Amino acid sequence: MQNITQRIEGNKLIIEVDLTQEIGLSDNGKSINVANSGFAILSDPEYHSYGFKLNVWKRVLK
């Protein structure tokens, strides 16, 4: 996971991304990657059978 934190509060998954960070240019050069989870399994043992995928990007302004 890059630039993503996760936690469980009650029975809600809270995902946080720092929108000021950049992790690199996209392959086509039209956007900047901000966060990428790949396939992430929840870190809480009670919810270990849950996972998520998240990509956050922003447009390259010209």
PDB file of N, CA and C in Angstrom:
ATOM      1  N   MET A   1       0.836  -1.173   0.000  1.00  0.00           N
ATOM      2  CA  MET A   1       0.000   0.000   0.000  1.00  0.00           C
ATOM      3  C   MET A   1       0.884   1.239   0.000  1.00  0.00           C
ATOM      4  N   GLN A   2       0.487   2.199  -0.787  1.00  0.00           N
ATOM      5  CA  GLN A   2       1.233   3.448  -0.862  1.00  0.00           C
ATOM      6  C   GLN A   2       0.311   4.612  -0.508  1.00  0.00           C
ATOM      7  N   ASN A   3       0.681   5.358   0.558  1.00  0.00           N
ATOM      8  CA  ASN A   3      -0.032   6.557   0.988  1.00  0.00           C
ATOM      9  C   ASN A   3      -1.473   6.261   1.423  1.00  0.00           C
ATOM     10  N   ILE A   4      -1.712   5.114   2.020  1.00  0.00           N
ATOM     11  CA  ILE A   4      -3.036   4.744   2.512  1.00  0.00           C
ATOM     12  C   ILE A   4      -2.891   4.167   3.911  1.00  0.00           C
ATOM     13  N   THR A   5      -3.743   4.613   4.828  1.00  0.00           N
ATOM     14  CA  THR A   5      -3.841   3.974   6.136  1.00  0.00           C
ATOM     15  C   THR A   5      -5.281   3.495   6.304  1.00  0.00           C
ATOM     16  N   GLN A   6      -5.443   2.422   7.055  1.00  0.00           N
ATOM     17  CA  GLN A   6      -6.757   1.847   7.275  1.00  0.00           C
ATOM     18  C   GLN A   6      -6.942   1.545   8.752  1.00  0.00           C
ATOM     19  N   ARG A   7      -8.203   1.636   9.199  1.00  0.00           N
ATOM     20  CA  ARG A   7      -8.529   1.230  10.563  1.00  0.00           C
ATOM     21  C   ARG A   7     -10.016   0.891  10.620  1.00  0.00           C
ATOM     22  N   ILE A   8     -10.380   0.111  11.616  1.00  0.00           N
ATOM     23  CA  ILE A   8     -11.770  -0.246  11.856  1.00  0.00           C
ATOM     24  C   ILE A   8     -12.256   0.541  13.069  1.00  0.00           C
ATOM     25  N   GLU A   9     -13.389   1.204  12.928  1.00  0.00           N
ATOM     26  CA  GLU A   9     -14.041   1.879  14.050  1.00  0.00           C
ATOM     27  C   GLU A   9     -15.454   1.320  14.126  1.00  0.00           C
ATOM     28  N   GLY A  10     -15.739   0.566  15.199  1.00  0.00           N
ATOM     29  CA  GLY A  10     -17.018  -0.129  15.276  1.00  0.00           C
ATOM     30  C   GLY A  10     -17.053  -1.153  14.163  1.00  0.00           C
ATOM     31  N   ASN A  11     -18.019  -1.059  13.283  1.00  0.00           N
ATOM     32  CA  ASN A  11     -18.043  -1.957  12.123  1.00  0.00           C
ATOM     33  C   ASN A  11     -17.915  -1.165  10.820  1.00  0.00           C
ATOM     34  N   LYS A  12     -17.124  -0.078  10.867  1.00  0.00           N
ATOM     35  CA  LYS A  12     -16.843   0.734   9.683  1.00  0.00           C
ATOM     36  C   LYS A  12     -15.354   0.722   9.374  1.00  0.00           C
ATOM     37  N   LEU A  13     -15.050   0.599   8.113  1.00  0.00           N
ATOM     38  CA  LEU A  13     -13.673   0.692   7.630  1.00  0.00           C
ATOM     39  C   LEU A  13     -13.389   2.152   7.316  1.00  0.00           C
ATOM     40  N   ILE A  14     -12.350   2.710   7.921  1.00  0.00           N
ATOM     41  CA  ILE A  14     -11.929   4.083   7.674  1.00  0.00           C
ATOM     42  C   ILE A  14     -10.620   4.021   6.884  1.00  0.00           C
ATOM     43  N   ILE A  15     -10.619   4.623   5.702  1.00  0.00           N
ATOM     44  CA  ILE A  15      -9.435   4.656   4.844  1.00  0.00           C
ATOM     45  C   ILE A  15      -9.008   6.115   4.736  1.00  0.00           C
ATOM     46  N   GLU A  16      -7.719   6.362   4.980  1.00  0.00           N
ATOM     47  CA  GLU A  16      -7.204   7.730   4.898  1.00  0.00           C
ATOM     48  C   GLU A  16      -6.107   7.811   3.840  1.00  0.00           C
ATOM     49  N   VAL A  17      -6.168   8.883   3.053  1.00  0.00           N
ATOM     50  CA  VAL A  17      -5.184   9.167   2.013  1.00  0.00           C
ATOM     51  C   VAL A  17      -4.743  10.614   2.188  1.00  0.00           C
ATOM     52  N   ASP A  18      -3.434  10.844   2.193  1.00  0.00           N
ATOM     53  CA  ASP A  18      -2.900  12.209   2.247  1.00  0.00           C
ATOM     54  C   ASP A  18      -2.892  12.761   0.824  1.00  0.00           C
ATOM     55  N   LEU A  19      -3.791  13.693   0.542  1.00  0.00           N
ATOM     56  CA  LEU A  19      -3.938  14.221  -0.815  1.00  0.00           C
ATOM     57  C   LEU A  19      -2.809  15.148  -1.229  1.00  0.00           C
ATOM     58  N   THR A  20      -1.906  15.482  -0.315  1.00  0.00           N
ATOM     59  CA  THR A  20      -0.756  16.318  -0.675  1.00  0.00           C
ATOM     60  C   THR A  20       0.410  15.487  -1.202  1.00  0.00           C
ATOM     61  N   GLN A  21       0.341  14.178  -1.079  1.00  0.00           N
ATOM     62  CA  GLN A  21       1.430  13.305  -1.514  1.00  0.00           C
ATOM     63  C   GLN A  21       1.249  12.903  -2.984  1.00  0.00           C
ATOM     64  N   GLU A  22       2.346  12.626  -3.647  1.00  0.00           N
ATOM     65  CA  GLU A  22       2.338  12.108  -5.018  1.00  0.00           C
ATOM     66  C   GLU A  22       3.271  10.911  -5.056  1.00  0.00           C
ATOM     67  N   ILE A  23       2.824   9.822  -5.687  1.00  0.00           N
ATOM     68  CA  ILE A  23       3.668   8.623  -5.745  1.00  0.00           C
ATOM     69  C   ILE A  23       4.173   8.328  -7.151  1.00  0.00           C
ATOM     70  N   GLY A  24       3.857   9.215  -8.089  1.00  0.00           N
ATOM     71  CA  GLY A  24       4.417   9.052  -9.421  1.00  0.00           C
ATOM     72  C   GLY A  24       3.420   9.342 -10.521  1.00  0.00           C
ATOM     73  N   LEU A  25       3.934   9.508 -11.707  1.00  0.00           N
ATOM     74  CA  LEU A  25       3.142   9.784 -12.899  1.00  0.00           C
ATOM     75  C   LEU A  25       2.527   8.481 -13.412  1.00  0.00           C
ATOM     76  N   SER A  26       1.312   8.575 -13.948  1.00  0.00           N
ATOM     77  CA  SER A  26       0.668   7.401 -14.538  1.00  0.00           C
ATOM     78  C   SER A  26       1.438   6.969 -15.781  1.00  0.00           C
ATOM     79  N   ASP A  27       1.158   5.767 -16.259  1.00  0.00           N
ATOM     80  CA  ASP A  27       1.849   5.245 -17.441  1.00  0.00           C
ATOM     81  C   ASP A  27       1.645   6.122 -18.675  1.00  0.00           C
ATOM     82  N   ASN A  28       0.435   6.675 -18.827  1.00  0.00           N
ATOM     83  CA  ASN A  28       0.181   7.486 -20.023  1.00  0.00           C
ATOM     84  C   ASN A  28       0.530   8.961 -19.825  1.00  0.00           C
ATOM     85  N   GLY A  29       0.927   9.345 -18.605  1.00  0.00           N
ATOM     86  CA  GLY A  29       1.348  10.704 -18.338  1.00  0.00           C
ATOM     87  C   GLY A  29       0.234  11.716 -18.187  1.00  0.00           C
ATOM     88  N   LYS A  30      -1.024  11.257 -18.146  1.00  0.00           N
ATOM     89  CA  LYS A  30      -2.153  12.177 -18.048  1.00  0.00           C
ATOM     90  C   LYS A  30      -2.591  12.438 -16.614  1.00  0.00           C
ATOM     91  N   SER A  31      -2.073  11.666 -15.668  1.00  0.00           N
ATOM     92  CA  SER A  31      -2.460  11.871 -14.270  1.00  0.00           C
ATOM     93  C   SER A  31      -1.283  11.545 -13.352  1.00  0.00           C
ATOM     94  N   ILE A  32      -1.413  12.017 -12.116  1.00  0.00           N
ATOM     95  CA  ILE A  32      -0.407  11.763 -11.080  1.00  0.00           C
ATOM     96  C   ILE A  32      -1.041  10.835 -10.055  1.00  0.00           C
ATOM     97  N   ASN A  33      -0.386   9.727  -9.763  1.00  0.00           N
ATOM     98  CA  ASN A  33      -0.882   8.786  -8.762  1.00  0.00           C
ATOM     99  C   ASN A  33      -0.655   9.370  -7.372  1.00  0.00           C
ATOM    100  N   VAL A  34      -1.692   9.311  -6.547  1.00  0.00           N
ATOM    101  CA  VAL A  34      -1.646   9.837  -5.192  1.00  0.00           C
ATOM    102  C   VAL A  34      -1.614   8.695  -4.173  1.00  0.00           C
ATOM    103  N   ALA A  35      -2.362   7.625  -4.431  1.00  0.00           N
ATOM    104  CA  ALA A  35      -2.408   6.482  -3.517  1.00  0.00           C
ATOM    105  C   ALA A  35      -2.799   5.232  -4.286  1.00  0.00           C
ATOM    106  N   ASN A  36      -2.289   4.089  -3.808  1.00  0.00           N
ATOM    107  CA  ASN A  36      -2.586   2.817  -4.449  1.00  0.00           C
ATOM    108  C   ASN A  36      -2.539   1.732  -3.391  1.00  0.00           C
ATOM    109  N   SER A  37      -3.595   0.947  -3.306  1.00  0.00           N
ATOM    110  CA  SER A  37      -3.637  -0.105  -2.290  1.00  0.00           C
ATOM    111  C   SER A  37      -3.204  -1.460  -2.814  1.00  0.00           C
ATOM    112  N   GLY A  38      -3.180  -1.660  -4.148  1.00  0.00           N
ATOM    113  CA  GLY A  38      -3.059  -3.021  -4.638  1.00  0.00           C
ATOM    114  C   GLY A  38      -4.287  -3.768  -4.139  1.00  0.00           C
ATOM    115  N   PHE A  39      -4.168  -5.039  -3.813  1.00  0.00           N
ATOM    116  CA  PHE A  39      -5.274  -5.752  -3.166  1.00  0.00           C
ATOM    117  C   PHE A  39      -4.924  -5.843  -1.694  1.00  0.00           C
ATOM    118  N   ALA A  40      -5.616  -5.082  -0.864  1.00  0.00           N
ATOM    119  CA  ALA A  40      -5.294  -4.980   0.560  1.00  0.00           C
ATOM    120  C   ALA A  40      -6.288  -5.791   1.388  1.00  0.00           C
ATOM    121  N   ILE A  41      -5.765  -6.602   2.294  1.00  0.00           N
ATOM    122  CA  ILE A  41      -6.580  -7.329   3.261  1.00  0.00           C
ATOM    123  C   ILE A  41      -6.666  -6.470   4.515  1.00  0.00           C
ATOM    124  N   LEU A  42      -7.841  -6.409   5.134  1.00  0.00           N
ATOM    125  CA  LEU A  42      -7.984  -5.606   6.345  1.00  0.00           C
ATOM    126  C   LEU A  42      -7.078  -6.123   7.443  1.00  0.00           C
ATOM    127  N   SER A  43      -6.484  -5.191   8.179  1.00  0.00           N
ATOM    128  CA  SER A  43      -5.486  -5.549   9.179  1.00  0.00           C
ATOM    129  C   SER A  43      -6.104  -6.083  10.468  1.00  0.00           C
ATOM    130  N   ASP A  44      -7.379  -5.841  10.710  1.00  0.00           N
ATOM    131  CA  ASP A  44      -8.041  -6.308  11.935  1.00  0.00           C
ATOM    132  C   ASP A  44      -8.358  -7.795  11.813  1.00  0.00           C
ATOM    133  N   PRO A  45      -7.879  -8.636  12.758  1.00  0.00           N
ATOM    134  CA  PRO A  45      -8.105 -10.085  12.663  1.00  0.00           C
ATOM    135  C   PRO A  45      -9.589 -10.471  12.572  1.00  0.00           C
ATOM    136  N   GLU A  46     -10.461  -9.670  13.162  1.00  0.00           N
ATOM    137  CA  GLU A  46     -11.900  -9.969  13.121  1.00  0.00           C
ATOM    138  C   GLU A  46     -12.455  -9.846  11.698  1.00  0.00           C
ATOM    139  N   TYR A  47     -11.811  -9.023  10.877  1.00  0.00           N
ATOM    140  CA  TYR A  47     -12.285  -8.766   9.511  1.00  0.00           C
ATOM    141  C   TYR A  47     -11.282  -9.240   8.463  1.00  0.00           C
ATOM    142  N   HIS A  48     -10.484 -10.239   8.783  1.00  0.00           N
ATOM    143  CA  HIS A  48      -9.407 -10.679   7.883  1.00  0.00           C
ATOM    144  C   HIS A  48      -9.913 -11.242   6.555  1.00  0.00           C
ATOM    145  N   SER A  49     -11.192 -11.556   6.449  1.00  0.00           N
ATOM    146  CA  SER A  49     -11.711 -12.084   5.187  1.00  0.00           C
ATOM    147  C   SER A  49     -12.179 -10.966   4.246  1.00  0.00           C
ATOM    148  N   TYR A  50     -12.021  -9.706   4.659  1.00  0.00           N
ATOM    149  CA  TYR A  50     -12.396  -8.566   3.824  1.00  0.00           C
ATOM    150  C   TYR A  50     -11.155  -7.945   3.196  1.00  0.00           C
ATOM    151  N   GLY A  51     -11.337  -7.414   2.012  1.00  0.00           N
ATOM    152  CA  GLY A  51     -10.245  -6.713   1.339  1.00  0.00           C
ATOM    153  C   GLY A  51     -10.790  -5.542   0.533  1.00  0.00           C
ATOM    154  N   PHE A  52      -9.895  -4.746  -0.005  1.00  0.00           N
ATOM    155  CA  PHE A  52     -10.316  -3.625  -0.850  1.00  0.00           C
ATOM    156  C   PHE A  52      -9.211  -3.291  -1.837  1.00  0.00           C
ATOM    157  N   LYS A  53      -9.599  -2.590  -2.906  1.00  0.00           N
ATOM    158  CA  LYS A  53      -8.664  -2.035  -3.883  1.00  0.00           C
ATOM    159  C   LYS A  53      -9.004  -0.563  -4.031  1.00  0.00           C
ATOM    160  N   LEU A  54      -7.983   0.280  -3.988  1.00  0.00           N
ATOM    161  CA  LEU A  54      -8.212   1.720  -4.092  1.00  0.00           C
ATOM    162  C   LEU A  54      -7.074   2.361  -4.865  1.00  0.00           C
ATOM    163  N   ASN A  55      -7.431   3.166  -5.844  1.00  0.00           N
ATOM    164  CA  ASN A  55      -6.482   4.002  -6.569  1.00  0.00           C
ATOM    165  C   ASN A  55      -6.985   5.433  -6.494  1.00  0.00           C
ATOM    166  N   VAL A  56      -6.102   6.351  -6.124  1.00  0.00           N
ATOM    167  CA  VAL A  56      -6.441   7.774  -6.109  1.00  0.00           C
ATOM    168  C   VAL A  56      -5.456   8.476  -7.021  1.00  0.00           C
ATOM    169  N   TRP A  57      -5.957   9.327  -7.883  1.00  0.00           N
ATOM    170  CA  TRP A  57      -5.110  10.041  -8.842  1.00  0.00           C
ATOM    171  C   TRP A  57      -5.635  11.451  -9.013  1.00  0.00           C
ATOM    172  N   LYS A  58      -4.802  12.309  -9.577  1.00  0.00           N
ATOM    173  CA  LYS A  58      -5.255  13.649  -9.956  1.00  0.00           C
ATOM    174  C   LYS A  58      -4.771  13.956 -11.360  1.00  0.00           C
ATOM    175  N   ARG A  59      -5.548  14.774 -12.061  1.00  0.00           N
ATOM    176  CA  ARG A  59      -5.208  15.135 -13.441  1.00  0.00           C
ATOM    177  C   ARG A  59      -3.954  16.003 -13.471  1.00  0.00           C
ATOM    178  N   VAL A  60      -3.198  15.851 -14.506  1.00  0.00           N
ATOM    179  CA  VAL A  60      -2.073  16.756 -14.760  1.00  0.00           C
ATOM    180  C   VAL A  60      -2.656  17.982 -15.447  1.00  0.00           C
ATOM    181  N   LEU A  61      -2.532  19.122 -14.797  1.00  0.00           N
ATOM    182  CA  LEU A  61      -3.067  20.357 -15.381  1.00  0.00           C
ATOM    183  C   LEU A  61      -2.062  20.953 -16.348  1.00  0.00           C
ATOM    184  N   LYS A  62      -2.544  21.315 -17.518  1.00  0.00           N
ATOM    185  CA  LYS A  62      -1.663  21.880 -18.538  1.00  0.00           C
ATOM    186  C   LYS A  62      -2.047  23.297 -18.840  1.00  0.00           C
TER     187      LYS A  62
END
